[in-house]
Amino acid sequence: MRELDAVLQAFLEEAYDDLSDDDKSRLLVILDLPDPELYGYLVRRHEPEDPDIARLISRIRQASSART
């Protein structure tokens, strides 16, 4: 999905260097999710069960909304 690519690319450019090593590992988990599942998280259709993944998804959402 191009929308996902744009959101994630913006987040990576803006915030990747500031992520902890643990969050960088979590980001890899997020990037391995199927596109429909990741999209659902980003548009708040559902929330990840893992609180650390949920926190990082929230950070990606915030970065995306700050750019619009």
N, C-alpha and C. Protein backbone atom coordinates (compact mmCIF):
# COMPACT_ATOMS: atom_id res chain seq x y z
N MET A 1 0.83 -1.18 0.00
CA MET A 1 0.00 0.00 0.00
C MET A 1 0.87 1.24 0.00
N ARG A 2 0.64 2.09 -0.93
CA ARG A 2 1.44 3.31 -1.02
C ARG A 2 1.24 4.22 0.18
N GLU A 3 0.01 4.24 0.73
CA GLU A 3 -0.26 5.08 1.89
C GLU A 3 0.62 4.65 3.07
N LEU A 4 0.70 3.34 3.27
CA LEU A 4 1.55 2.82 4.35
C LEU A 4 3.00 3.18 4.11
N ASP A 5 3.44 3.02 2.89
CA ASP A 5 4.83 3.36 2.56
C ASP A 5 5.12 4.81 2.88
N ALA A 6 4.21 5.70 2.53
CA ALA A 6 4.42 7.14 2.77
C ALA A 6 4.47 7.43 4.27
N VAL A 7 3.55 6.85 5.03
CA VAL A 7 3.51 7.08 6.48
C VAL A 7 4.78 6.55 7.13
N LEU A 8 5.15 5.34 6.78
CA LEU A 8 6.32 4.72 7.40
C LEU A 8 7.61 5.41 6.99
N GLN A 9 7.71 5.81 5.73
CA GLN A 9 8.91 6.50 5.25
C GLN A 9 9.08 7.83 6.00
N ALA A 10 7.98 8.55 6.16
CA ALA A 10 8.04 9.82 6.90
C ALA A 10 8.49 9.59 8.34
N PHE A 11 7.94 8.56 8.97
CA PHE A 11 8.31 8.24 10.35
C PHE A 11 9.79 7.88 10.43
N LEU A 12 10.25 7.05 9.51
CA LEU A 12 11.65 6.64 9.53
C LEU A 12 12.58 7.83 9.37
N GLU A 13 12.25 8.72 8.46
CA GLU A 13 13.09 9.90 8.22
C GLU A 13 13.10 10.81 9.44
N GLU A 14 11.96 10.91 10.11
CA GLU A 14 11.82 11.85 11.20
C GLU A 14 12.28 11.30 12.55
N ALA A 15 12.05 10.02 12.81
CA ALA A 15 12.19 9.54 14.18
C ALA A 15 13.11 8.34 14.37
N TYR A 16 13.51 7.68 13.31
CA TYR A 16 14.26 6.42 13.48
C TYR A 16 15.51 6.60 14.33
N ASP A 17 16.28 7.62 14.09
CA ASP A 17 17.53 7.80 14.82
C ASP A 17 17.32 7.99 16.31
N ASP A 18 16.14 8.45 16.70
CA ASP A 18 15.84 8.69 18.12
C ASP A 18 15.26 7.47 18.82
N LEU A 19 14.97 6.40 18.09
CA LEU A 19 14.40 5.21 18.69
C LEU A 19 15.45 4.45 19.50
N SER A 20 14.99 3.86 20.58
CA SER A 20 15.88 2.97 21.35
C SER A 20 16.13 1.70 20.53
N ASP A 21 17.12 0.95 20.91
CA ASP A 21 17.39 -0.32 20.22
C ASP A 21 16.18 -1.25 20.31
N ASP A 22 15.51 -1.25 21.48
CA ASP A 22 14.32 -2.09 21.63
C ASP A 22 13.22 -1.65 20.68
N ASP A 23 13.02 -0.34 20.55
CA ASP A 23 11.99 0.15 19.64
C ASP A 23 12.36 -0.11 18.18
N LYS A 24 13.63 -0.09 17.86
CA LYS A 24 14.05 -0.44 16.49
C LYS A 24 13.71 -1.90 16.21
N SER A 25 13.88 -2.75 17.20
CA SER A 25 13.50 -4.17 17.04
C SER A 25 11.99 -4.30 16.90
N ARG A 26 11.25 -3.54 17.70
CA ARG A 26 9.79 -3.57 17.59
C ARG A 26 9.33 -3.06 16.22
N LEU A 27 10.03 -2.08 15.71
CA LEU A 27 9.67 -1.55 14.40
C LEU A 27 9.82 -2.63 13.33
N LEU A 28 10.82 -3.47 13.44
CA LEU A 28 10.97 -4.58 12.50
C LEU A 28 9.78 -5.53 12.58
N VAL A 29 9.28 -5.76 13.79
CA VAL A 29 8.09 -6.60 13.97
C VAL A 29 6.91 -5.94 13.27
N ILE A 30 6.76 -4.64 13.46
CA ILE A 30 5.66 -3.89 12.83
C ILE A 30 5.77 -3.96 11.31
N LEU A 31 6.96 -3.81 10.79
CA LEU A 31 7.15 -3.82 9.33
C LEU A 31 6.87 -5.19 8.73
N ASP A 32 6.95 -6.24 9.54
CA ASP A 32 6.65 -7.59 9.05
C ASP A 32 5.17 -7.93 9.08
N LEU A 33 4.35 -7.05 9.66
CA LEU A 33 2.91 -7.31 9.71
C LEU A 33 2.31 -7.25 8.31
N PRO A 34 1.27 -8.02 8.07
CA PRO A 34 0.56 -7.89 6.79
C PRO A 34 0.00 -6.46 6.66
N ASP A 35 0.02 -5.94 5.45
CA ASP A 35 -0.44 -4.57 5.21
C ASP A 35 -1.83 -4.29 5.79
N PRO A 36 -2.82 -5.17 5.60
CA PRO A 36 -4.15 -4.86 6.16
C PRO A 36 -4.14 -4.74 7.68
N GLU A 37 -3.35 -5.56 8.35
CA GLU A 37 -3.27 -5.49 9.80
C GLU A 37 -2.61 -4.19 10.24
N LEU A 38 -1.50 -3.84 9.62
CA LEU A 38 -0.80 -2.60 9.95
C LEU A 38 -1.69 -1.39 9.67
N TYR A 39 -2.36 -1.41 8.55
CA TYR A 39 -3.27 -0.31 8.21
C TYR A 39 -4.36 -0.19 9.28
N GLY A 40 -4.91 -1.30 9.71
CA GLY A 40 -5.92 -1.30 10.76
C GLY A 40 -5.42 -0.66 12.05
N TYR A 41 -4.18 -0.93 12.39
CA TYR A 41 -3.60 -0.31 13.58
C TYR A 41 -3.45 1.20 13.39
N LEU A 42 -2.97 1.59 12.23
CA LEU A 42 -2.70 3.01 12.00
C LEU A 42 -3.96 3.85 11.92
N VAL A 43 -5.05 3.26 11.47
CA VAL A 43 -6.32 4.02 11.39
C VAL A 43 -7.23 3.72 12.58
N ARG A 44 -6.69 3.07 13.57
CA ARG A 44 -7.39 2.78 14.83
C ARG A 44 -8.61 1.88 14.67
N ARG A 45 -8.58 0.99 13.71
CA ARG A 45 -9.65 -0.02 13.61
C ARG A 45 -9.52 -1.03 14.72
N HIS A 46 -8.29 -1.28 15.11
CA HIS A 46 -7.99 -2.15 16.24
C HIS A 46 -6.62 -1.77 16.80
N GLU A 47 -6.32 -2.26 17.98
CA GLU A 47 -5.07 -1.93 18.66
C GLU A 47 -4.24 -3.20 18.86
N PRO A 48 -2.93 -3.07 18.78
CA PRO A 48 -2.08 -4.22 19.07
C PRO A 48 -2.23 -4.66 20.53
N GLU A 49 -2.15 -5.94 20.76
CA GLU A 49 -2.23 -6.46 22.13
C GLU A 49 -0.97 -6.13 22.93
N ASP A 50 0.16 -6.15 22.27
CA ASP A 50 1.43 -5.85 22.94
C ASP A 50 1.49 -4.35 23.23
N PRO A 51 1.60 -3.96 24.50
CA PRO A 51 1.60 -2.53 24.84
C PRO A 51 2.78 -1.75 24.26
N ASP A 52 3.92 -2.40 24.09
CA ASP A 52 5.07 -1.71 23.51
C ASP A 52 4.88 -1.47 22.01
N ILE A 53 4.29 -2.44 21.32
CA ILE A 53 3.97 -2.26 19.91
C ILE A 53 2.89 -1.18 19.77
N ALA A 54 1.91 -1.20 20.65
CA ALA A 54 0.84 -0.20 20.62
C ALA A 54 1.41 1.21 20.82
N ARG A 55 2.37 1.33 21.71
CA ARG A 55 3.00 2.63 21.96
C ARG A 55 3.74 3.12 20.72
N LEU A 56 4.44 2.21 20.05
CA LEU A 56 5.18 2.60 18.85
C LEU A 56 4.23 2.92 17.71
N ILE A 57 3.15 2.18 17.58
CA ILE A 57 2.13 2.50 16.57
C ILE A 57 1.58 3.90 16.83
N SER A 58 1.33 4.21 18.08
CA SER A 58 0.85 5.54 18.45
C SER A 58 1.85 6.62 18.05
N ARG A 59 3.10 6.35 18.24
CA ARG A 59 4.15 7.30 17.85
C ARG A 59 4.18 7.49 16.33
N ILE A 60 3.99 6.42 15.60
CA ILE A 60 3.93 6.53 14.13
C ILE A 60 2.72 7.36 13.72
N ARG A 61 1.58 7.12 14.37
CA ARG A 61 0.37 7.91 14.09
C ARG A 61 0.63 9.39 14.34
N GLN A 62 1.26 9.70 15.45
CA GLN A 62 1.52 11.10 15.81
C GLN A 62 2.43 11.76 14.78
N ALA A 63 3.45 11.05 14.36
CA ALA A 63 4.37 11.60 13.37
C ALA A 63 3.65 11.85 12.06
N SER A 64 2.74 10.94 11.72
CA SER A 64 1.99 11.09 10.47
C SER A 64 1.03 12.27 10.55
N SER A 65 0.34 12.43 11.66
CA SER A 65 -0.61 13.53 11.77
C SER A 65 0.09 14.87 11.88
N ALA A 66 1.31 14.90 12.37
CA ALA A 66 2.07 16.14 12.47
C ALA A 66 2.48 16.65 11.09
N ARG A 67 2.58 15.75 10.13
CA ARG A 67 3.01 16.13 8.77
C ARG A 67 1.85 16.60 7.91
N THR A 68 0.62 16.35 8.36
CA THR A 68 -0.53 16.74 7.52
C THR A 68 -1.10 18.06 7.96
